[in-house]
Amino acid sequence: AYCGYLALSEGKNTEAVTYFEKALEVDGKDEMIFYNFAAALYSLGERQKADSLLKEGLEINPEFEPILMYLGNIAQTEKKNDEAIMYFERLINADRKYFEAYVALSGLVGIKDLIRARKLLRTCLTINPGYKPAITALADTYRSSDPEIAEKYDELAGSVK
C-alpha cells in the first residue's frame, strides 16, 4: 500500500494500480487502500472501476471522510448534483469540521436555495471563523444582489491569512 501511495504521489498511476491490487490481496479492510487505488484508476480514466472501489471503501467505513468528499466531487463534476449533495451532507454529518464540504455543498444548494447556501457557510464560519474559502464563497452569494455586503466579506477574506 505504501509503495502504491508513493507511486501515486509521483504520478505513476499505472504502477500504483499494480501495487494497490497486491495490497488488496493482503488487506481488504483498509479503506485508505481503496481510496488511493480509486484515485490512481480515476487518473487513468477508469472512472467506473474507481467508483466501485470508493463504494467498497464506504462499506468498510461508511463515514470515511476522504471517500465521501471524493465521491461528492466526482458526482459534482459529472453534473449529478443531487448525488453530490447527498455525499456532502453525509460528510458534514460524519464530521462537522470538514470545512471543504460546506463550501462545496453551498455551491450546489445555492443554485436553488441561496438562503440555505448562506446558512451553510455561516455554520462553517461559526465553527472556523478564519476559513477563507467559506468567507469568499459567502461574498460570492452576495455579488449580484448586494455588492456592498460582498465587498465587506472580500475585505474580511483579505485580512485572513
C-alpha atoms as a PDB file:
ATOM      1  CA  ALA A   1       0.000   0.000   0.000  1.00  0.00           C
ATOM      2  CA  TYR A   2       2.861   2.336   0.845  1.00  0.00           C
ATOM      3  CA  CYS A   3       4.634   1.663  -2.458  1.00  0.00           C
ATOM      4  CA  GLY A   4       1.339   2.313  -4.237  1.00  0.00           C
ATOM      5  CA  TYR A   5       0.944   5.583  -2.389  1.00  0.00           C
ATOM      6  CA  LEU A   6       4.474   6.650  -3.342  1.00  0.00           C
ATOM      7  CA  ALA A   7       3.846   5.785  -6.989  1.00  0.00           C
ATOM      8  CA  LEU A   8       0.530   7.659  -6.898  1.00  0.00           C
ATOM      9  CA  SER A   9       2.121  10.752  -5.367  1.00  0.00           C
ATOM     10  CA  GLU A  10       4.764  10.682  -8.122  1.00  0.00           C
ATOM     11  CA  GLY A  11       2.079  10.452 -10.829  1.00  0.00           C
ATOM     12  CA  LYS A  12       2.986   6.863 -11.715  1.00  0.00           C
ATOM     13  CA  ASN A  13      -0.642   5.754 -11.767  1.00  0.00           C
ATOM     14  CA  THR A  14      -0.216   2.502 -13.689  1.00  0.00           C
ATOM     15  CA  GLU A  15       2.484   1.406 -11.268  1.00  0.00           C
ATOM     16  CA  ALA A  16       0.312   2.497  -8.338  1.00  0.00           C
ATOM     17  CA  VAL A  17      -2.575   0.358  -9.604  1.00  0.00           C
ATOM     18  CA  THR A  18      -0.322  -2.713  -9.628  1.00  0.00           C
ATOM     19  CA  TYR A  19       0.761  -2.081  -6.039  1.00  0.00           C
ATOM     20  CA  PHE A  20      -2.794  -1.430  -4.829  1.00  0.00           C
ATOM     21  CA  GLU A  21      -4.053  -4.629  -6.468  1.00  0.00           C
ATOM     22  CA  LYS A  22      -1.438  -6.551  -4.480  1.00  0.00           C
ATOM     23  CA  ALA A  23      -2.215  -4.596  -1.312  1.00  0.00           C
ATOM     24  CA  LEU A  24      -5.899  -5.527  -1.513  1.00  0.00           C
ATOM     25  CA  GLU A  25      -4.964  -9.187  -1.783  1.00  0.00           C
ATOM     26  CA  VAL A  26      -3.208  -8.847   1.575  1.00  0.00           C
ATOM     27  CA  ASP A  27      -5.510  -6.350   3.302  1.00  0.00           C
ATOM     28  CA  GLY A  28      -9.045  -5.857   2.041  1.00  0.00           C
ATOM     29  CA  LYS A  29     -10.150  -3.979   5.160  1.00  0.00           C
ATOM     30  CA  ASP A  30      -8.195  -0.741   4.813  1.00  0.00           C
ATOM     31  CA  GLU A  31     -10.409   1.989   3.366  1.00  0.00           C
ATOM     32  CA  MET A  32      -7.348   4.133   2.566  1.00  0.00           C
ATOM     33  CA  ILE A  33      -6.136   1.495   0.099  1.00  0.00           C
ATOM     34  CA  PHE A  34      -9.500   1.670  -1.659  1.00  0.00           C
ATOM     35  CA  TYR A  35      -9.318   5.467  -1.713  1.00  0.00           C
ATOM     36  CA  ASN A  36      -5.805   5.634  -3.149  1.00  0.00           C
ATOM     37  CA  PHE A  37      -6.471   2.793  -5.590  1.00  0.00           C
ATOM     38  CA  ALA A  38      -9.537   4.652  -6.846  1.00  0.00           C
ATOM     39  CA  ALA A  39      -7.537   7.870  -7.223  1.00  0.00           C
ATOM     40  CA  ALA A  40      -4.987   6.060  -9.401  1.00  0.00           C
ATOM     41  CA  LEU A  41      -7.710   4.469 -11.520  1.00  0.00           C
ATOM     42  CA  TYR A  42      -9.602   7.747 -11.859  1.00  0.00           C
ATOM     43  CA  SER A  43      -6.432   9.424 -13.106  1.00  0.00           C
ATOM     44  CA  LEU A  44      -6.140   6.687 -15.732  1.00  0.00           C
ATOM     45  CA  GLY A  45      -9.711   7.341 -16.880  1.00  0.00           C
ATOM     46  CA  GLU A  46     -11.173   4.199 -15.326  1.00  0.00           C
ATOM     47  CA  ARG A  47     -13.984   6.071 -13.627  1.00  0.00           C
ATOM     48  CA  GLN A  48     -16.451   3.222 -13.226  1.00  0.00           C
ATOM     49  CA  LYS A  49     -13.902   0.933 -11.576  1.00  0.00           C
ATOM     50  CA  ALA A  50     -12.759   3.813  -9.352  1.00  0.00           C
ATOM     51  CA  ASP A  51     -16.347   4.494  -8.324  1.00  0.00           C
ATOM     52  CA  SER A  52     -16.831   0.819  -7.410  1.00  0.00           C
ATOM     53  CA  LEU A  53     -13.692   0.839  -5.265  1.00  0.00           C
ATOM     54  CA  LEU A  54     -14.766   4.000  -3.461  1.00  0.00           C
ATOM     55  CA  LYS A  55     -18.116   2.447  -2.656  1.00  0.00           C
ATOM     56  CA  GLU A  56     -16.384  -0.712  -1.404  1.00  0.00           C
ATOM     57  CA  GLY A  57     -14.303   1.511   0.863  1.00  0.00           C
ATOM     58  CA  LEU A  58     -17.511   3.020   2.245  1.00  0.00           C
ATOM     59  CA  GLU A  59     -18.753  -0.476   3.073  1.00  0.00           C
ATOM     60  CA  ILE A  60     -15.726  -0.826   5.364  1.00  0.00           C
ATOM     61  CA  ASN A  61     -16.179   2.634   6.878  1.00  0.00           C
ATOM     62  CA  PRO A  62     -19.433   4.430   5.891  1.00  0.00           C
ATOM     63  CA  GLU A  63     -18.165   7.716   7.351  1.00  0.00           C
ATOM     64  CA  PHE A  64     -14.689   7.797   5.807  1.00  0.00           C
ATOM     65  CA  GLU A  65     -14.337  11.483   5.018  1.00  0.00           C
ATOM     66  CA  PRO A  66     -11.895  11.377   2.084  1.00  0.00           C
ATOM     67  CA  ILE A  67     -14.054   8.883   0.184  1.00  0.00           C
ATOM     68  CA  LEU A  68     -17.253  10.849   0.830  1.00  0.00           C
ATOM     69  CA  MET A  69     -15.576  14.049  -0.371  1.00  0.00           C
ATOM     70  CA  TYR A  70     -14.135  12.324  -3.439  1.00  0.00           C
ATOM     71  CA  LEU A  71     -17.479  10.776  -4.380  1.00  0.00           C
ATOM     72  CA  GLY A  72     -19.157  14.157  -3.914  1.00  0.00           C
ATOM     73  CA  ASN A  73     -16.584  15.865  -6.120  1.00  0.00           C
ATOM     74  CA  ILE A  74     -16.900  13.194  -8.808  1.00  0.00           C
ATOM     75  CA  ALA A  75     -20.698  13.452  -8.777  1.00  0.00           C
ATOM     76  CA  GLN A  76     -20.455  17.239  -8.987  1.00  0.00           C
ATOM     77  CA  THR A  77     -18.041  17.023 -11.921  1.00  0.00           C
ATOM     78  CA  GLU A  78     -20.448  14.673 -13.676  1.00  0.00           C
ATOM     79  CA  LYS A  79     -23.325  17.122 -13.059  1.00  0.00           C
ATOM     80  CA  LYS A  80     -25.074  14.646 -10.736  1.00  0.00           C
ATOM     81  CA  ASN A  81     -25.908  17.419  -8.280  1.00  0.00           C
ATOM     82  CA  ASP A  82     -28.427  15.506  -6.157  1.00  0.00           C
ATOM     83  CA  GLU A  83     -25.917  12.701  -5.638  1.00  0.00           C
ATOM     84  CA  ALA A  84     -23.138  15.198  -4.847  1.00  0.00           C
ATOM     85  CA  ILE A  85     -25.392  16.951  -2.324  1.00  0.00           C
ATOM     86  CA  MET A  86     -26.102  13.616  -0.647  1.00  0.00           C
ATOM     87  CA  TYR A  87     -22.383  12.828  -0.278  1.00  0.00           C
ATOM     88  CA  PHE A  88     -21.501  16.290   1.039  1.00  0.00           C
ATOM     89  CA  GLU A  89     -24.380  16.147   3.543  1.00  0.00           C
ATOM     90  CA  ARG A  90     -23.236  12.692   4.693  1.00  0.00           C
ATOM     91  CA  LEU A  91     -19.745  14.053   5.098  1.00  0.00           C
ATOM     92  CA  ILE A  92     -20.859  17.003   7.210  1.00  0.00           C
ATOM     93  CA  ASN A  93     -22.961  14.661   9.342  1.00  0.00           C
ATOM     94  CA  ALA A  94     -19.925  12.413   9.807  1.00  0.00           C
ATOM     95  CA  ASP A  95     -17.529  15.274  10.536  1.00  0.00           C
ATOM     96  CA  ARG A  96     -18.939  18.743  11.088  1.00  0.00           C
ATOM     97  CA  LYS A  97     -15.414  20.153  10.886  1.00  0.00           C
ATOM     98  CA  TYR A  98     -14.790  19.044   7.294  1.00  0.00           C
ATOM     99  CA  PHE A  99     -14.982  22.645   6.095  1.00  0.00           C
ATOM    100  CA  GLU A 100     -14.377  21.972   2.412  1.00  0.00           C
ATOM    101  CA  ALA A 101     -17.686  20.077   2.295  1.00  0.00           C
ATOM    102  CA  TYR A 102     -19.633  23.147   3.444  1.00  0.00           C
ATOM    103  CA  VAL A 103     -18.252  25.226   0.596  1.00  0.00           C
ATOM    104  CA  ALA A 104     -18.912  22.502  -1.979  1.00  0.00           C
ATOM    105  CA  LEU A 105     -22.425  21.862  -0.660  1.00  0.00           C
ATOM    106  CA  SER A 106     -23.295  25.558  -0.521  1.00  0.00           C
ATOM    107  CA  GLY A 107     -22.259  25.947  -4.160  1.00  0.00           C
ATOM    108  CA  LEU A 108     -24.710  23.239  -5.166  1.00  0.00           C
ATOM    109  CA  VAL A 109     -27.663  24.190  -2.986  1.00  0.00           C
ATOM    110  CA  GLY A 110     -27.146  27.873  -3.803  1.00  0.00           C
ATOM    111  CA  ILE A 111     -28.365  27.196  -7.333  1.00  0.00           C
ATOM    112  CA  LYS A 112     -31.910  26.761  -5.974  1.00  0.00           C
ATOM    113  CA  ASP A 113     -31.748  27.991  -2.375  1.00  0.00           C
ATOM    114  CA  LEU A 114     -29.424  30.915  -1.742  1.00  0.00           C
ATOM    115  CA  ILE A 115     -30.631  31.312   1.854  1.00  0.00           C
ATOM    116  CA  ARG A 116     -29.670  27.710   2.689  1.00  0.00           C
ATOM    117  CA  ALA A 117     -26.302  28.160   0.984  1.00  0.00           C
ATOM    118  CA  ARG A 118     -25.558  31.220   3.101  1.00  0.00           C
ATOM    119  CA  LYS A 119     -26.691  29.410   6.234  1.00  0.00           C
ATOM    120  CA  LEU A 120     -24.307  26.523   5.482  1.00  0.00           C
ATOM    121  CA  LEU A 121     -21.414  28.937   5.013  1.00  0.00           C
ATOM    122  CA  ARG A 122     -22.256  30.801   8.207  1.00  0.00           C
ATOM    123  CA  THR A 123     -22.397  27.493  10.082  1.00  0.00           C
ATOM    124  CA  CYS A 124     -18.946  26.682   8.731  1.00  0.00           C
ATOM    125  CA  LEU A 125     -17.683  30.101   9.795  1.00  0.00           C
ATOM    126  CA  THR A 126     -19.195  29.687  13.262  1.00  0.00           C
ATOM    127  CA  ILE A 127     -17.039  26.594  13.682  1.00  0.00           C
ATOM    128  CA  ASN A 128     -13.987  28.071  11.954  1.00  0.00           C
ATOM    129  CA  PRO A 129     -14.210  31.878  11.591  1.00  0.00           C
ATOM    130  CA  GLY A 130     -10.945  32.028   9.672  1.00  0.00           C
ATOM    131  CA  TYR A 131     -11.833  29.580   6.886  1.00  0.00           C
ATOM    132  CA  LYS A 132     -11.108  31.797   3.905  1.00  0.00           C
ATOM    133  CA  PRO A 133     -12.838  29.668   1.210  1.00  0.00           C
ATOM    134  CA  ALA A 134     -16.127  29.940   3.152  1.00  0.00           C
ATOM    135  CA  ILE A 135     -15.752  33.714   3.521  1.00  0.00           C
ATOM    136  CA  THR A 136     -15.058  34.051  -0.206  1.00  0.00           C
ATOM    137  CA  ALA A 137     -17.990  31.786  -1.069  1.00  0.00           C
ATOM    138  CA  LEU A 138     -20.257  33.866   1.181  1.00  0.00           C
ATOM    139  CA  ALA A 139     -19.091  37.014  -0.608  1.00  0.00           C
ATOM    140  CA  ASP A 140     -19.919  35.335  -3.921  1.00  0.00           C
ATOM    141  CA  THR A 141     -23.510  34.724  -2.798  1.00  0.00           C
ATOM    142  CA  TYR A 142     -23.951  38.484  -2.438  1.00  0.00           C
ATOM    143  CA  ARG A 143     -22.063  39.642  -5.545  1.00  0.00           C
ATOM    144  CA  SER A 144     -25.048  40.316  -7.756  1.00  0.00           C
ATOM    145  CA  SER A 145     -27.698  41.043  -5.124  1.00  0.00           C
ATOM    146  CA  ASP A 146     -25.744  43.249  -2.703  1.00  0.00           C
ATOM    147  CA  PRO A 147     -22.240  44.246  -3.845  1.00  0.00           C
ATOM    148  CA  GLU A 148     -21.603  46.228  -0.646  1.00  0.00           C
ATOM    149  CA  ILE A 149     -22.015  43.159   1.548  1.00  0.00           C
ATOM    150  CA  ALA A 150     -19.898  41.159  -0.916  1.00  0.00           C
ATOM    151  CA  GLU A 151     -17.161  43.795  -0.630  1.00  0.00           C
ATOM    152  CA  LYS A 152     -17.199  43.579   3.166  1.00  0.00           C
ATOM    153  CA  TYR A 153     -16.755  39.807   3.001  1.00  0.00           C
ATOM    154  CA  ASP A 154     -13.970  40.280   0.428  1.00  0.00           C
ATOM    155  CA  GLU A 155     -12.215  42.638   2.833  1.00  0.00           C
ATOM    156  CA  LEU A 156     -12.629  40.109   5.615  1.00  0.00           C
ATOM    157  CA  ALA A 157     -11.231  37.359   3.380  1.00  0.00           C
ATOM    158  CA  GLY A 158      -8.300  39.603   2.527  1.00  0.00           C
ATOM    159  CA  SER A 159      -7.477  40.024   6.196  1.00  0.00           C
ATOM    160  CA  VAL A 160      -7.374  36.270   6.842  1.00  0.00           C
ATOM    161  CA  LYS A 161      -4.010  34.568   6.490  1.00  0.00           C
END
